[in-house]
């Protein structure tokens, strides 16, 4: 398996950092949107999970 999915299964830094960055961006988007209260409610936890994930995966091998 190659590419993004293969990198996830082999615990490579690039794909996991991308996934963590997407989670952080999703959490910020959820925080800033004014329409759906459920998204706003879970925005902090999504951002926090993405941030902690980014810190952890930054120690994965290239």
N, C-alpha and C. Protein backbone atom coordinates (compact mmCIF):
# COMPACT_ATOMS: atom_id res chain seq x y z
N UNK A 1 0.84 -1.18 0.00
CA UNK A 1 0.00 0.00 0.00
C UNK A 1 0.89 1.25 0.00
N UNK A 2 0.60 2.16 -0.87
CA UNK A 2 1.37 3.38 -0.93
C UNK A 2 0.44 4.56 -0.79
N UNK A 3 1.03 5.72 -0.64
CA UNK A 3 0.24 6.93 -0.56
C UNK A 3 -0.22 7.25 0.86
N UNK A 4 -1.30 7.98 0.92
CA UNK A 4 -1.81 8.48 2.20
C UNK A 4 -2.21 7.36 3.15
N UNK A 5 -3.04 6.42 2.67
CA UNK A 5 -3.53 5.33 3.52
C UNK A 5 -2.38 4.43 3.97
N UNK A 6 -1.46 4.15 3.08
CA UNK A 6 -0.31 3.33 3.43
C UNK A 6 0.55 4.00 4.49
N UNK A 7 0.70 5.31 4.39
CA UNK A 7 1.46 6.06 5.40
C UNK A 7 0.80 6.02 6.76
N UNK A 8 -0.54 6.03 6.76
CA UNK A 8 -1.25 5.93 8.04
C UNK A 8 -1.01 4.58 8.70
N UNK A 9 -1.07 3.52 7.90
CA UNK A 9 -0.89 2.18 8.45
C UNK A 9 0.55 1.92 8.89
N UNK A 10 1.51 2.60 8.26
CA UNK A 10 2.91 2.41 8.63
C UNK A 10 3.38 3.44 9.65
N UNK A 11 2.48 4.26 10.15
CA UNK A 11 2.79 5.29 11.14
C UNK A 11 3.90 6.22 10.67
N UNK A 12 3.72 6.78 9.48
CA UNK A 12 4.65 7.76 8.97
C UNK A 12 4.17 9.15 9.35
N UNK A 13 5.11 10.07 9.52
CA UNK A 13 4.78 11.39 10.03
C UNK A 13 3.89 12.21 9.10
N UNK A 14 4.18 12.22 7.82
CA UNK A 14 3.47 13.09 6.88
C UNK A 14 1.95 12.93 6.89
N UNK A 15 1.44 11.73 6.64
CA UNK A 15 -0.02 11.56 6.62
C UNK A 15 -0.69 11.83 7.96
N UNK A 16 -0.04 11.44 9.06
CA UNK A 16 -0.64 11.68 10.38
C UNK A 16 -0.64 13.16 10.72
N UNK A 17 0.42 13.89 10.34
CA UNK A 17 0.43 15.34 10.57
C UNK A 17 -0.65 16.02 9.74
N UNK A 18 -0.87 15.54 8.52
CA UNK A 18 -1.92 16.11 7.69
C UNK A 18 -3.29 15.89 8.33
N UNK A 19 -3.52 14.68 8.84
CA UNK A 19 -4.78 14.37 9.49
C UNK A 19 -4.97 15.24 10.74
N UNK A 20 -3.92 15.42 11.53
CA UNK A 20 -4.00 16.27 12.72
C UNK A 20 -4.28 17.71 12.34
N UNK A 21 -3.65 18.19 11.28
CA UNK A 21 -3.88 19.56 10.82
C UNK A 21 -5.30 19.75 10.34
N UNK A 22 -5.84 18.76 9.65
CA UNK A 22 -7.23 18.82 9.21
C UNK A 22 -8.17 18.87 10.41
N UNK A 23 -7.88 18.09 11.44
CA UNK A 23 -8.70 18.13 12.66
C UNK A 23 -8.65 19.49 13.33
N UNK A 24 -7.48 20.09 13.39
CA UNK A 24 -7.35 21.43 13.99
C UNK A 24 -8.16 22.44 13.18
N UNK A 25 -8.02 22.40 11.86
CA UNK A 25 -8.77 23.32 11.00
C UNK A 25 -10.28 23.09 11.12
N UNK A 26 -10.69 21.84 11.20
CA UNK A 26 -12.10 21.53 11.36
C UNK A 26 -12.63 22.07 12.69
N UNK A 27 -11.84 21.92 13.75
CA UNK A 27 -12.26 22.45 15.05
C UNK A 27 -12.39 23.96 15.05
N UNK A 28 -11.46 24.65 14.39
CA UNK A 28 -11.54 26.11 14.30
C UNK A 28 -12.76 26.52 13.47
N UNK A 29 -13.01 25.81 12.38
CA UNK A 29 -14.20 26.10 11.58
C UNK A 29 -15.47 25.90 12.40
N UNK A 30 -15.51 24.80 13.16
CA UNK A 30 -16.68 24.52 13.99
C UNK A 30 -16.88 25.62 15.04
N UNK A 31 -15.78 26.17 15.53
CA UNK A 31 -15.86 27.23 16.53
C UNK A 31 -16.39 28.53 15.93
N UNK A 32 -16.06 28.80 14.67
CA UNK A 32 -16.39 30.10 14.07
C UNK A 32 -17.74 30.13 13.36
N UNK A 33 -18.33 28.98 13.09
CA UNK A 33 -19.60 29.00 12.37
C UNK A 33 -20.74 29.35 13.33
N UNK A 34 -21.71 30.16 12.90
CA UNK A 34 -22.75 30.63 13.82
C UNK A 34 -24.08 29.88 13.70
N UNK A 35 -24.15 28.76 12.98
CA UNK A 35 -25.45 28.18 12.66
C UNK A 35 -25.83 26.96 13.48
N UNK A 36 -24.91 26.05 13.72
CA UNK A 36 -25.22 24.78 14.36
C UNK A 36 -24.57 24.74 15.74
N UNK A 37 -25.40 24.70 16.77
CA UNK A 37 -24.89 24.74 18.14
C UNK A 37 -24.10 23.47 18.49
N UNK A 38 -24.48 22.33 17.94
CA UNK A 38 -23.77 21.08 18.24
C UNK A 38 -22.33 21.15 17.76
N UNK A 39 -22.10 21.71 16.58
CA UNK A 39 -20.73 21.87 16.08
C UNK A 39 -19.93 22.79 16.99
N UNK A 40 -20.55 23.88 17.42
CA UNK A 40 -19.88 24.80 18.33
C UNK A 40 -19.55 24.13 19.66
N UNK A 41 -20.45 23.28 20.13
CA UNK A 41 -20.26 22.60 21.41
C UNK A 41 -19.03 21.69 21.39
N UNK A 42 -18.80 20.98 20.30
CA UNK A 42 -17.70 20.02 20.21
C UNK A 42 -16.45 20.61 19.56
N UNK A 43 -16.44 21.88 19.24
CA UNK A 43 -15.30 22.47 18.53
C UNK A 43 -14.02 22.46 19.37
N UNK A 44 -14.13 22.74 20.65
CA UNK A 44 -12.92 22.77 21.49
C UNK A 44 -12.29 21.40 21.60
N UNK A 45 -13.09 20.37 21.80
CA UNK A 45 -12.53 19.03 21.96
C UNK A 45 -11.89 18.54 20.65
N UNK A 46 -12.49 18.89 19.51
CA UNK A 46 -11.90 18.50 18.22
C UNK A 46 -10.57 19.21 18.01
N UNK A 47 -10.51 20.49 18.34
CA UNK A 47 -9.25 21.24 18.23
C UNK A 47 -8.20 20.69 19.18
N UNK A 48 -8.61 20.35 20.39
CA UNK A 48 -7.69 19.80 21.37
C UNK A 48 -7.15 18.44 20.94
N UNK A 49 -8.01 17.58 20.42
CA UNK A 49 -7.57 16.26 19.93
C UNK A 49 -6.58 16.44 18.78
N UNK A 50 -6.89 17.34 17.86
CA UNK A 50 -5.97 17.59 16.75
C UNK A 50 -4.62 18.11 17.21
N UNK A 51 -4.61 18.98 18.21
CA UNK A 51 -3.36 19.53 18.72
C UNK A 51 -2.52 18.47 19.42
N UNK A 52 -3.16 17.68 20.28
CA UNK A 52 -2.43 16.61 20.98
C UNK A 52 -1.94 15.58 19.98
N UNK A 53 -2.76 15.26 18.98
CA UNK A 53 -2.35 14.31 17.95
C UNK A 53 -1.13 14.84 17.20
N UNK A 54 -1.12 16.13 16.88
CA UNK A 54 0.00 16.72 16.17
C UNK A 54 1.28 16.63 17.00
N UNK A 55 1.17 16.89 18.29
CA UNK A 55 2.34 16.81 19.17
C UNK A 55 2.88 15.38 19.20
N UNK A 56 1.99 14.40 19.27
CA UNK A 56 2.42 12.99 19.34
C UNK A 56 3.04 12.55 18.02
N UNK A 57 2.37 12.83 16.90
CA UNK A 57 2.87 12.33 15.62
C UNK A 57 4.10 13.06 15.13
N UNK A 58 4.42 14.19 15.73
CA UNK A 58 5.66 14.87 15.32
C UNK A 58 6.88 14.07 15.74
N UNK A 59 6.70 13.04 16.57
CA UNK A 59 7.80 12.17 16.96
C UNK A 59 7.86 10.89 16.12
N UNK A 60 6.94 10.71 15.19
CA UNK A 60 6.96 9.55 14.30
C UNK A 60 8.11 9.68 13.31
N UNK A 61 8.59 8.55 12.77
CA UNK A 61 9.66 8.63 11.78
C UNK A 61 9.16 9.19 10.45
N UNK A 62 10.09 9.77 9.70
CA UNK A 62 9.76 10.29 8.36
C UNK A 62 9.35 9.13 7.53
